[in-house]
Amino acid sequence: MPPLDPAPIWLPGGQAQTVWPALFSRRHDPGQPIAYRRVRHTTPDGDFVDIDWLDGAPVRDGAGLLVLFHGLEGSSRSHYALAFADWARHHDWACAVPHFRGCSGEMNLAPRAYHSGDHAEVGWMLDTVRRSHGGGPVVAVGVSLGGNALLRWAQEAGSQAGRVVRAVASVCSPIDLAAAGHAIGRGLNRHLYTPMFLRTMKPKALAKLAQHPGLFDADRLRQARDLYAFDNLFTAPLHGYRDTEDYWRRASAKPRLAEICIPALVLNARNDPFVPAGCLPTVHAVGRHVTLWQPDHGGHVGFASGAWPGDVRGLPRAVMGWLQAAC
């Protein structure tokens, strides 16, 4: 079993283990907030990407570098990003959190956004942060959407991935996008999480339309009630996919896990309300470089432990322990 702390008795079930840690559990030392230093980089298509570096992190030669890719509508201030940054601070590692386009607090310029299969953008981000690092080992962690995109990069990079990073890890990633997409559109998920995501995604899409008139039908987008409809109108056509079904099929990391050529950890809680346990891969479906952790608890990027209100730092402790060993 993976070295993750047990779920607290006072926090039962996947829904509670998803919502409560994101809102209330400890993610860094009390009285020692995480501070970042932001660096803006120009992308090959003339847009920009903002990368937040852990402030005060080591810059000496030989220090490790953790690159963290956030999830859907996440950022360097997401609870999991703060917890991983706290781990880096205590272990003298540098830490960089690249923001997918539109997630750093400022609208980007190009007629595109980000998506679960954005392996080209992940590759460019990794190259960019690696050039800014002092030469120590580099590892990458992707959370939720960011984890699927990171795995897709490792698949596309093949044997060349090891020239960029020593190892990668995905945390609670929807590696079967169709299964996850349908799950988030049903039952309680549809009423709890879908409105939360669309509350920020729709205004960003409409702002993009104001920048680039004619990209999509504004009225139809306003009427979208789930991620399937949003992806059909916005995400898929903007990024070269025919429709939602084509996007979910081609962008999913699960079918190509056997192609990964560097150490890769794929962590999914079996009670994740977003990613059904039945769609998770078995050890026979992945290559020898891939390690599967599928604990019974944790929810979606929750993994709180200990006394109330819980602490989420056990997640980076376990994941980074695996990555250090893999290096």
Protein backbone atom coordinates (compact mmCIF):
# COMPACT_ATOMS: atom_id res chain seq x y z
CA MET A 1 0.00 0.00 0.00
CA PRO A 2 1.21 3.57 -0.66
CA PRO A 3 2.71 5.39 2.37
CA LEU A 4 -0.23 7.77 2.73
CA ASP A 5 -1.62 8.65 6.13
CA PRO A 6 -5.03 7.09 6.93
CA ALA A 7 -8.13 9.21 6.52
CA PRO A 8 -9.39 10.66 9.81
CA ILE A 9 -12.45 9.02 11.33
CA TRP A 10 -14.15 12.41 11.59
CA LEU A 11 -13.95 12.90 7.78
CA PRO A 12 -15.79 9.99 6.11
CA GLY A 13 -16.49 9.53 2.40
CA GLY A 14 -15.08 10.81 -0.86
CA GLN A 15 -17.17 13.99 -1.03
CA ALA A 16 -16.18 15.18 2.45
CA GLN A 17 -12.57 14.17 1.83
CA THR A 18 -12.61 16.35 -1.30
CA VAL A 19 -14.32 19.51 -0.07
CA TRP A 20 -13.11 19.90 3.52
CA PRO A 21 -9.32 19.66 2.89
CA ALA A 22 -9.51 22.17 0.04
CA LEU A 23 -11.20 24.71 2.31
CA PHE A 24 -10.00 24.16 5.85
CA SER A 25 -7.12 21.70 6.35
CA ARG A 26 -3.58 22.90 7.08
CA ARG A 27 -1.27 23.15 4.12
CA HIS A 28 1.77 24.94 5.63
CA ASP A 29 3.20 25.87 8.99
CA PRO A 30 1.00 28.28 10.96
CA GLY A 31 2.43 31.78 10.85
CA GLN A 32 4.71 30.93 7.91
CA PRO A 33 2.74 31.65 4.73
CA ILE A 34 4.06 30.59 1.36
CA ALA A 35 5.49 33.47 -0.67
CA TYR A 36 6.18 33.35 -4.40
CA ARG A 37 8.21 35.37 -6.87
CA ARG A 38 6.46 35.70 -10.24
CA VAL A 39 8.31 35.55 -13.54
CA ARG A 40 6.54 36.15 -16.86
CA HIS A 41 7.72 34.38 -20.00
CA THR A 42 6.75 35.00 -23.62
CA THR A 43 5.42 31.89 -25.35
CA PRO A 44 6.37 30.82 -28.88
CA ASP A 45 3.03 32.13 -30.18
CA GLY A 46 3.53 35.59 -28.68
CA ASP A 47 1.38 35.06 -25.58
CA PHE A 48 2.65 34.87 -22.01
CA VAL A 49 2.82 32.38 -19.16
CA ASP A 50 3.35 33.32 -15.51
CA ILE A 51 5.52 31.03 -13.38
CA ASP A 52 5.54 31.41 -9.60
CA TRP A 53 8.80 30.44 -7.90
CA LEU A 54 8.91 29.67 -4.20
CA ASP A 55 10.46 32.77 -2.67
CA GLY A 56 13.63 32.17 -0.69
CA ALA A 57 14.10 28.70 -2.18
CA PRO A 58 17.68 27.50 -2.68
CA VAL A 59 19.49 28.60 -5.80
CA ARG A 60 22.74 26.75 -5.15
CA ASP A 61 23.95 24.26 -7.71
CA GLY A 62 22.71 20.77 -7.04
CA ALA A 63 19.44 21.74 -5.35
CA GLY A 64 16.43 19.77 -6.52
CA LEU A 65 13.61 21.42 -8.43
CA LEU A 66 9.95 20.50 -8.08
CA VAL A 67 7.71 21.67 -10.93
CA LEU A 68 4.00 21.52 -10.07
CA PHE A 69 1.23 21.70 -12.67
CA HIS A 70 -2.11 22.74 -11.17
CA GLY A 71 -5.58 21.42 -11.90
CA LEU A 72 -8.67 22.86 -13.59
CA GLU A 73 -9.01 26.52 -12.60
CA GLY A 74 -6.23 26.06 -10.04
CA SER A 75 -3.15 28.20 -9.33
CA SER A 76 -0.10 28.48 -7.12
CA ARG A 77 -2.51 29.36 -4.26
CA SER A 78 -4.45 26.08 -4.49
CA HIS A 79 -4.27 24.09 -1.25
CA TYR A 80 -2.22 21.29 -2.83
CA ALA A 81 0.24 23.75 -4.43
CA LEU A 82 0.85 25.39 -1.06
CA ALA A 83 1.38 22.00 0.57
CA PHE A 84 3.94 20.92 -2.04
CA ALA A 85 5.67 24.31 -1.78
CA ASP A 86 5.83 23.85 1.99
CA TRP A 87 7.52 20.47 1.46
CA ALA A 88 10.06 22.10 -0.86
CA ARG A 89 10.77 24.86 1.66
CA HIS A 90 11.50 22.33 4.41
CA HIS A 91 13.70 20.15 2.21
CA ASP A 92 15.76 22.88 0.51
CA TRP A 93 14.28 22.28 -2.91
CA ALA A 94 13.38 24.93 -5.44
CA CYS A 95 9.72 24.92 -6.47
CA ALA A 96 8.07 26.37 -9.56
CA VAL A 97 4.34 26.50 -10.33
CA PRO A 98 3.66 27.35 -13.99
CA HIS A 99 0.17 28.71 -14.59
CA PHE A 100 -1.85 27.43 -17.48
CA ARG A 101 -3.11 30.27 -19.65
CA GLY A 102 -5.81 32.31 -17.98
CA CYS A 103 -5.11 30.95 -14.49
CA SER A 104 -2.57 33.48 -13.17
CA GLY A 105 -5.09 36.25 -12.58
CA GLU A 106 -4.71 37.99 -15.93
CA MET A 107 -6.36 37.15 -19.24
CA ASN A 108 -3.97 35.81 -21.83
CA LEU A 109 -3.70 37.14 -25.37
CA ALA A 110 -3.88 34.31 -27.89
CA PRO A 111 -7.11 32.65 -29.13
CA ARG A 112 -6.56 29.60 -26.94
CA ALA A 113 -6.77 28.58 -23.29
CA TYR A 114 -5.64 25.26 -21.76
CA HIS A 115 -6.88 21.70 -21.67
CA SER A 116 -6.24 18.21 -20.27
CA GLY A 117 -4.12 17.10 -23.19
CA ASP A 118 -1.96 20.22 -23.47
CA HIS A 119 1.32 18.26 -23.66
CA ALA A 120 3.04 20.77 -25.95
CA GLU A 121 2.50 23.58 -23.45
CA VAL A 122 3.69 21.34 -20.60
CA GLY A 123 6.84 20.54 -22.56
CA TRP A 124 7.57 24.20 -23.22
CA MET A 125 6.97 25.06 -19.55
CA LEU A 126 9.31 22.29 -18.38
CA ASP A 127 12.04 23.45 -20.76
CA THR A 128 11.58 27.02 -19.55
CA VAL A 129 11.86 26.30 -15.83
CA ARG A 130 14.69 23.82 -16.36
CA ARG A 131 16.77 26.53 -18.06
CA SER A 132 16.23 28.73 -15.00
CA HIS A 133 17.43 26.05 -12.57
CA GLY A 134 20.92 25.53 -11.21
CA GLY A 135 21.41 22.01 -12.50
CA GLY A 136 20.09 19.70 -9.76
CA PRO A 137 17.51 16.95 -10.27
CA VAL A 138 14.17 18.04 -11.72
CA VAL A 139 10.91 16.24 -10.99
CA ALA A 140 7.38 17.18 -12.00
CA VAL A 141 4.02 16.67 -10.29
CA GLY A 142 0.69 17.24 -12.01
CA VAL A 143 -2.55 17.52 -10.09
CA SER A 144 -5.89 16.57 -11.63
CA LEU A 145 -6.01 18.13 -15.14
CA GLY A 146 -2.33 19.07 -14.83
CA GLY A 147 -1.45 15.46 -14.09
CA ASN A 148 -3.15 14.11 -17.19
CA ALA A 149 -1.41 16.74 -19.32
CA LEU A 150 1.93 15.87 -17.70
CA LEU A 151 1.48 12.16 -18.42
CA ARG A 152 0.55 12.99 -22.01
CA TRP A 153 3.79 14.97 -22.28
CA ALA A 154 5.78 12.00 -20.98
CA GLN A 155 4.07 9.78 -23.55
CA GLU A 156 4.77 12.13 -26.43
CA ALA A 157 8.36 12.78 -25.32
CA GLY A 158 9.14 9.07 -25.11
CA SER A 159 12.80 8.32 -24.55
CA GLN A 160 13.64 12.04 -24.59
CA ALA A 161 11.61 12.76 -21.43
CA GLY A 162 14.54 11.74 -19.24
CA ARG A 163 16.60 14.62 -20.66
CA VAL A 164 14.15 17.05 -19.04
CA VAL A 165 13.00 15.44 -15.77
CA ARG A 166 14.08 12.47 -13.66
CA ALA A 167 10.53 11.35 -12.78
CA VAL A 168 6.90 12.48 -12.83
CA ALA A 169 3.80 11.97 -10.70
CA SER A 170 0.12 12.53 -11.37
CA VAL A 171 -2.27 13.06 -8.47
CA CYS A 172 -5.99 12.33 -8.83
CA SER A 173 -5.81 12.88 -12.58
CA PRO A 174 -8.77 12.11 -14.88
CA ILE A 175 -6.69 9.80 -17.05
CA ASP A 176 -9.93 8.48 -18.57
CA LEU A 177 -11.49 11.82 -19.51
CA ALA A 178 -14.77 10.35 -20.74
CA ALA A 179 -15.39 8.44 -17.50
CA ALA A 180 -14.45 11.48 -15.41
CA GLY A 181 -16.39 13.92 -17.58
CA HIS A 182 -19.58 11.89 -17.33
CA ALA A 183 -19.08 11.38 -13.57
CA ILE A 184 -18.79 15.09 -12.85
CA GLY A 185 -21.97 15.71 -14.84
CA ARG A 186 -24.14 13.33 -12.77
CA GLY A 187 -25.88 13.38 -9.40
CA LEU A 188 -24.46 15.48 -6.58
CA ASN A 189 -21.37 16.28 -8.63
CA ARG A 190 -23.51 18.11 -11.20
CA HIS A 191 -24.97 20.34 -8.49
CA LEU A 192 -21.83 20.80 -6.39
CA TYR A 193 -18.76 20.93 -8.65
CA THR A 194 -20.04 21.70 -12.14
CA PRO A 195 -21.43 25.15 -11.18
CA MET A 196 -18.22 25.89 -9.26
CA PHE A 197 -16.06 25.32 -12.34
CA LEU A 198 -18.41 27.02 -14.80
CA ARG A 199 -18.64 30.08 -12.54
CA THR A 200 -15.09 31.03 -13.55
CA MET A 201 -14.73 29.22 -16.87
CA LYS A 202 -17.65 30.94 -18.60
CA PRO A 203 -16.51 34.53 -17.87
CA LYS A 204 -12.99 33.66 -19.03
CA ALA A 205 -14.34 32.20 -22.26
CA LEU A 206 -16.50 35.26 -22.88
CA ALA A 207 -13.52 37.53 -22.21
CA LYS A 208 -11.60 35.51 -24.79
CA LEU A 209 -14.46 36.03 -27.24
CA ALA A 210 -14.22 39.79 -26.64
CA GLN A 211 -10.53 39.59 -27.57
CA HIS A 212 -11.18 37.45 -30.63
CA PRO A 213 -14.73 37.93 -31.98
CA GLY A 214 -16.22 34.95 -33.79
CA LEU A 215 -14.50 32.18 -31.84
CA PHE A 216 -17.80 30.63 -30.73
CA ASP A 217 -21.49 31.35 -30.15
CA ALA A 218 -21.76 33.40 -26.96
CA ASP A 219 -25.45 32.62 -26.36
CA ARG A 220 -24.89 28.87 -26.60
CA LEU A 221 -21.95 29.07 -24.22
CA ARG A 222 -24.01 31.01 -21.66
CA GLN A 223 -26.59 28.21 -21.84
CA ALA A 224 -24.04 25.44 -21.20
CA ARG A 225 -24.98 23.57 -18.03
CA ASP A 226 -22.16 21.03 -17.81
CA LEU A 227 -18.53 20.54 -18.78
CA TYR A 228 -19.50 18.36 -21.74
CA ALA A 229 -21.38 21.27 -23.35
CA PHE A 230 -18.64 23.76 -22.42
CA ASP A 231 -15.93 21.57 -23.91
CA ASN A 232 -18.02 21.07 -27.05
CA LEU A 233 -18.38 24.82 -27.61
CA PHE A 234 -15.06 26.13 -26.33
CA THR A 235 -12.29 23.75 -25.26
CA ALA A 236 -12.44 21.25 -28.11
CA PRO A 237 -12.71 23.56 -31.16
CA LEU A 238 -10.19 26.09 -29.80
CA HIS A 239 -7.54 23.43 -29.40
CA GLY A 240 -7.90 21.38 -32.57
CA TYR A 241 -10.42 18.73 -31.53
CA ARG A 242 -13.57 17.94 -33.47
CA ASP A 243 -15.88 17.89 -30.43
CA THR A 244 -16.00 16.81 -26.78
CA GLU A 245 -15.88 13.11 -27.59
CA ASP A 246 -12.82 13.57 -29.80
CA TYR A 247 -11.13 15.73 -27.14
CA TRP A 248 -11.79 13.31 -24.30
CA ARG A 249 -10.63 10.33 -26.36
CA ARG A 250 -7.42 11.79 -27.77
CA ALA A 251 -6.37 13.73 -24.66
CA SER A 252 -6.77 10.86 -22.16
CA ALA A 253 -3.50 9.51 -20.77
CA LYS A 254 -4.82 6.07 -19.75
CA PRO A 255 -4.59 4.27 -23.12
CA ARG A 256 -0.89 5.09 -23.53
CA LEU A 257 0.54 4.60 -20.04
CA ALA A 258 2.68 1.72 -21.30
CA GLU A 259 4.57 4.17 -23.56
CA ILE A 260 6.09 6.17 -20.67
CA CYS A 261 9.86 5.72 -20.49
CA ILE A 262 10.70 7.46 -17.18
CA PRO A 263 9.59 6.62 -13.62
CA ALA A 264 5.98 7.73 -13.28
CA LEU A 265 3.67 7.55 -10.27
CA VAL A 266 -0.08 7.52 -10.96
CA LEU A 267 -2.01 8.16 -7.74
CA ASN A 268 -5.82 7.94 -7.70
CA ALA A 269 -8.06 7.53 -4.65
CA ARG A 270 -10.73 4.91 -5.21
CA ASN A 271 -13.37 7.15 -3.60
CA ASP A 272 -12.61 10.15 -5.82
CA PRO A 273 -16.02 11.58 -6.83
CA PHE A 274 -14.54 12.86 -10.11
CA VAL A 275 -12.65 9.74 -11.24
CA PRO A 276 -14.65 6.48 -10.89
CA ALA A 277 -12.67 3.58 -9.45
CA GLY A 278 -13.92 1.33 -12.24
CA CYS A 279 -12.04 3.32 -14.88
CA LEU A 280 -8.65 3.14 -13.17
CA PRO A 281 -5.90 1.12 -14.87
CA THR A 282 -4.60 -2.20 -13.59
CA VAL A 283 -0.93 -3.12 -13.24
CA HIS A 284 -1.24 -5.26 -16.37
CA ALA A 285 -2.24 -2.24 -18.47
CA VAL A 286 0.77 -0.03 -17.71
CA GLY A 287 4.44 -0.28 -18.56
CA ARG A 288 7.28 -1.20 -16.25
CA HIS A 289 8.10 2.45 -15.57
CA VAL A 290 4.64 3.22 -14.13
CA THR A 291 3.72 2.72 -10.47
CA LEU A 292 0.04 2.74 -9.50
CA TRP A 293 -1.15 3.92 -6.09
CA GLN A 294 -4.90 3.45 -5.63
CA PRO A 295 -5.78 3.90 -1.94
CA ASP A 296 -9.36 3.51 -0.77
CA HIS A 297 -9.49 7.02 0.69
CA GLY A 298 -8.49 10.57 -0.17
CA GLY A 299 -11.29 11.94 -2.34
CA HIS A 300 -10.23 14.28 -5.12
CA VAL A 301 -6.90 15.82 -4.09
CA GLY A 302 -7.91 15.69 -0.44
CA PHE A 303 -5.83 13.22 1.56
CA ALA A 304 -6.30 15.06 4.85
CA SER A 305 -5.06 13.30 7.98
CA GLY A 306 -4.74 13.85 11.70
CA ALA A 307 -6.83 15.75 14.18
CA TRP A 308 -9.39 18.38 13.18
CA PRO A 309 -9.18 20.39 10.95
CA GLY A 310 -6.78 17.98 9.27
CA ASP A 311 -3.47 18.40 7.49
CA VAL A 312 -2.83 17.81 3.77
CA ARG A 313 0.97 17.76 3.95
CA GLY A 314 1.02 13.98 4.07
CA LEU A 315 0.29 13.98 0.32
CA PRO A 316 3.47 15.81 -0.77
CA ARG A 317 5.48 13.89 1.82
CA ALA A 318 4.44 10.56 0.26
CA VAL A 319 4.64 11.68 -3.39
CA MET A 320 7.97 13.46 -3.01
CA GLY A 321 9.37 10.50 -1.09
CA TRP A 322 8.55 8.31 -4.08
CA LEU A 323 9.98 10.80 -6.55
CA GLN A 324 13.22 11.20 -4.58
CA ALA A 325 13.64 7.43 -4.50
CA ALA A 326 12.96 7.24 -8.24
CA CYS A 327 15.71 9.77 -8.95
